[in-house]
Amino acid sequence: MATAGSGDVLSGIAGAFLGQGLEAFSAAKYAVYIHGLAGDIAAKDKTQMGLIASDIINRIPDALKRCS
C-alpha cells in the first residue's frame, strides 16, 4: 500500500463517502477499511510487491460488494 498514488486513492474514497453525506469520521473509517480490503483483494492477484494504485482502484467494487 506504500506505493505512489495509493494515498490519492484513499482520499478519493473518503471524498466520495463525504459527498454521499457521511460524517467525516465515518467517511474516514469506512474509506480506510474499503481501501485496505481492495488492496488485499488486489494483492492476491498481483502480489504485494507488484501492487500499484490502479490495482486498488480496480478492486474497489469487489470490496464494496463484500461489505453489502
N, C-alpha and C. Protein backbone atom coordinates (compact mmCIF):
# COMPACT_ATOMS: atom_id res chain seq x y z
N MET A 1 0.82 -1.19 0.00
CA MET A 1 0.00 0.00 0.00
C MET A 1 0.87 1.27 0.00
N ALA A 2 2.14 1.11 0.24
CA ALA A 2 3.04 2.26 0.23
C ALA A 2 3.61 2.45 -1.17
N THR A 3 2.73 2.75 -2.09
CA THR A 3 3.13 2.95 -3.47
C THR A 3 2.56 4.27 -3.97
N ALA A 4 3.18 4.83 -4.96
CA ALA A 4 2.74 6.12 -5.48
C ALA A 4 1.27 6.09 -5.88
N GLY A 5 0.53 7.03 -5.36
CA GLY A 5 -0.88 7.15 -5.73
C GLY A 5 -1.85 6.45 -4.82
N SER A 6 -1.38 5.57 -3.93
CA SER A 6 -2.34 4.85 -3.10
C SER A 6 -3.00 5.78 -2.07
N GLY A 7 -2.29 6.79 -1.63
CA GLY A 7 -2.90 7.79 -0.74
C GLY A 7 -3.96 8.60 -1.46
N ASP A 8 -3.73 8.86 -2.72
CA ASP A 8 -4.73 9.56 -3.53
C ASP A 8 -5.99 8.72 -3.67
N VAL A 9 -5.81 7.42 -3.81
CA VAL A 9 -6.96 6.52 -3.90
C VAL A 9 -7.75 6.58 -2.59
N LEU A 10 -7.05 6.52 -1.47
CA LEU A 10 -7.70 6.59 -0.17
C LEU A 10 -8.46 7.90 0.00
N SER A 11 -7.84 9.01 -0.35
CA SER A 11 -8.53 10.29 -0.19
C SER A 11 -9.72 10.40 -1.14
N GLY A 12 -9.63 9.79 -2.29
CA GLY A 12 -10.77 9.78 -3.22
C GLY A 12 -11.94 8.99 -2.67
N ILE A 13 -11.66 7.86 -2.04
CA ILE A 13 -12.72 7.06 -1.43
C ILE A 13 -13.37 7.85 -0.30
N ALA A 14 -12.54 8.47 0.54
CA ALA A 14 -13.07 9.28 1.65
C ALA A 14 -13.92 10.44 1.12
N GLY A 15 -13.43 11.09 0.08
CA GLY A 15 -14.19 12.19 -0.51
C GLY A 15 -15.52 11.74 -1.08
N ALA A 16 -15.53 10.55 -1.66
CA ALA A 16 -16.79 10.02 -2.21
C ALA A 16 -17.79 9.75 -1.09
N PHE A 17 -17.30 9.20 0.03
CA PHE A 17 -18.20 8.96 1.16
C PHE A 17 -18.69 10.28 1.76
N LEU A 18 -17.82 11.27 1.85
CA LEU A 18 -18.24 12.59 2.33
C LEU A 18 -19.30 13.19 1.41
N GLY A 19 -19.08 13.04 0.13
CA GLY A 19 -20.03 13.56 -0.86
C GLY A 19 -21.39 12.90 -0.80
N GLN A 20 -21.43 11.69 -0.24
CA GLN A 20 -22.69 10.97 -0.08
C GLN A 20 -23.36 11.29 1.26
N GLY A 21 -22.75 12.19 2.03
CA GLY A 21 -23.39 12.66 3.25
C GLY A 21 -22.93 12.02 4.55
N LEU A 22 -21.91 11.16 4.52
CA LEU A 22 -21.41 10.58 5.76
C LEU A 22 -20.68 11.64 6.58
N GLU A 23 -20.72 11.50 7.89
CA GLU A 23 -19.94 12.36 8.76
C GLU A 23 -18.46 12.11 8.51
N ALA A 24 -17.63 13.08 8.81
CA ALA A 24 -16.20 12.99 8.48
C ALA A 24 -15.52 11.77 9.09
N PHE A 25 -15.78 11.48 10.38
CA PHE A 25 -15.12 10.34 11.00
C PHE A 25 -15.57 9.04 10.37
N SER A 26 -16.86 8.90 10.12
CA SER A 26 -17.39 7.69 9.49
C SER A 26 -16.83 7.51 8.08
N ALA A 27 -16.77 8.60 7.34
CA ALA A 27 -16.22 8.54 5.97
C ALA A 27 -14.77 8.08 6.00
N ALA A 28 -13.99 8.62 6.93
CA ALA A 28 -12.58 8.23 7.03
C ALA A 28 -12.45 6.77 7.44
N LYS A 29 -13.24 6.36 8.41
CA LYS A 29 -13.17 4.99 8.91
C LYS A 29 -13.54 3.98 7.82
N TYR A 30 -14.63 4.24 7.12
CA TYR A 30 -15.06 3.32 6.07
C TYR A 30 -14.10 3.35 4.88
N ALA A 31 -13.57 4.53 4.58
CA ALA A 31 -12.62 4.64 3.46
C ALA A 31 -11.36 3.81 3.73
N VAL A 32 -10.86 3.88 4.94
CA VAL A 32 -9.65 3.11 5.28
C VAL A 32 -9.95 1.62 5.16
N TYR A 33 -11.12 1.20 5.61
CA TYR A 33 -11.46 -0.22 5.53
C TYR A 33 -11.58 -0.68 4.08
N ILE A 34 -12.33 0.07 3.28
CA ILE A 34 -12.52 -0.30 1.86
C ILE A 34 -11.19 -0.28 1.11
N HIS A 35 -10.38 0.72 1.38
CA HIS A 35 -9.07 0.83 0.75
C HIS A 35 -8.21 -0.38 1.09
N GLY A 36 -8.17 -0.75 2.36
CA GLY A 36 -7.39 -1.91 2.77
C GLY A 36 -7.91 -3.21 2.19
N LEU A 37 -9.23 -3.37 2.18
CA LEU A 37 -9.82 -4.58 1.63
C LEU A 37 -9.56 -4.68 0.13
N ALA A 38 -9.72 -3.58 -0.59
CA ALA A 38 -9.44 -3.57 -2.03
C ALA A 38 -7.97 -3.91 -2.28
N GLY A 39 -7.08 -3.39 -1.42
CA GLY A 39 -5.67 -3.72 -1.55
C GLY A 39 -5.39 -5.19 -1.28
N ASP A 40 -6.05 -5.75 -0.30
CA ASP A 40 -5.88 -7.18 -0.01
C ASP A 40 -6.36 -8.04 -1.17
N ILE A 41 -7.50 -7.67 -1.73
CA ILE A 41 -8.04 -8.43 -2.87
C ILE A 41 -7.08 -8.34 -4.06
N ALA A 42 -6.59 -7.14 -4.33
CA ALA A 42 -5.67 -6.94 -5.45
C ALA A 42 -4.35 -7.68 -5.22
N ALA A 43 -3.88 -7.70 -3.98
CA ALA A 43 -2.60 -8.35 -3.69
C ALA A 43 -2.65 -9.85 -3.93
N LYS A 44 -3.82 -10.44 -3.79
CA LYS A 44 -3.94 -11.86 -4.06
C LYS A 44 -3.67 -12.17 -5.53
N ASP A 45 -4.03 -11.25 -6.41
CA ASP A 45 -3.80 -11.43 -7.84
C ASP A 45 -2.42 -10.94 -8.28
N LYS A 46 -2.00 -9.81 -7.75
CA LYS A 46 -0.80 -9.14 -8.26
C LYS A 46 0.43 -9.36 -7.38
N THR A 47 0.28 -9.86 -6.19
CA THR A 47 1.28 -9.93 -5.12
C THR A 47 1.50 -8.54 -4.51
N GLN A 48 1.94 -8.51 -3.30
CA GLN A 48 2.14 -7.23 -2.62
C GLN A 48 3.22 -6.38 -3.29
N MET A 49 4.28 -7.02 -3.73
CA MET A 49 5.38 -6.25 -4.33
C MET A 49 5.00 -5.66 -5.68
N GLY A 50 4.08 -6.29 -6.39
CA GLY A 50 3.70 -5.81 -7.71
C GLY A 50 2.50 -4.88 -7.72
N LEU A 51 1.98 -4.55 -6.54
CA LEU A 51 0.76 -3.77 -6.43
C LEU A 51 0.99 -2.30 -6.78
N ILE A 52 0.11 -1.74 -7.61
CA ILE A 52 0.15 -0.30 -7.90
C ILE A 52 -1.24 0.28 -7.62
N ALA A 53 -1.32 1.59 -7.57
CA ALA A 53 -2.55 2.26 -7.16
C ALA A 53 -3.75 1.87 -8.02
N SER A 54 -3.56 1.73 -9.31
CA SER A 54 -4.69 1.38 -10.17
C SER A 54 -5.23 -0.01 -9.88
N ASP A 55 -4.40 -0.89 -9.34
CA ASP A 55 -4.89 -2.21 -8.93
C ASP A 55 -5.88 -2.08 -7.79
N ILE A 56 -5.60 -1.16 -6.87
CA ILE A 56 -6.52 -0.91 -5.76
C ILE A 56 -7.82 -0.34 -6.29
N ILE A 57 -7.72 0.63 -7.18
CA ILE A 57 -8.92 1.25 -7.76
C ILE A 57 -9.80 0.20 -8.43
N ASN A 58 -9.18 -0.69 -9.16
CA ASN A 58 -9.94 -1.71 -9.89
C ASN A 58 -10.66 -2.70 -8.98
N ARG A 59 -10.23 -2.79 -7.73
CA ARG A 59 -10.83 -3.74 -6.79
C ARG A 59 -11.81 -3.10 -5.81
N ILE A 60 -12.01 -1.78 -5.90
CA ILE A 60 -12.96 -1.12 -5.00
C ILE A 60 -14.37 -1.70 -5.15
N PRO A 61 -14.88 -1.93 -6.36
CA PRO A 61 -16.22 -2.54 -6.45
C PRO A 61 -16.30 -3.90 -5.76
N ASP A 62 -15.26 -4.71 -5.87
CA ASP A 62 -15.25 -6.02 -5.19
C ASP A 62 -15.30 -5.84 -3.69
N ALA A 63 -14.54 -4.87 -3.17
CA ALA A 63 -14.53 -4.62 -1.74
C ALA A 63 -15.90 -4.13 -1.26
N LEU A 64 -16.52 -3.26 -2.02
CA LEU A 64 -17.85 -2.77 -1.64
C LEU A 64 -18.89 -3.89 -1.66
N LYS A 65 -18.78 -4.78 -2.63
CA LYS A 65 -19.71 -5.91 -2.69
C LYS A 65 -19.60 -6.81 -1.47
N ARG A 66 -18.38 -6.99 -1.00
CA ARG A 66 -18.17 -7.84 0.18
C ARG A 66 -18.76 -7.22 1.44
N CYS A 67 -18.94 -5.92 1.43
CA CYS A 67 -19.45 -5.22 2.62
C CYS A 67 -20.96 -5.05 2.60
N SER A 68 -21.59 -5.36 1.51
CA SER A 68 -23.04 -5.13 1.45
C SER A 68 -23.84 -6.36 1.79
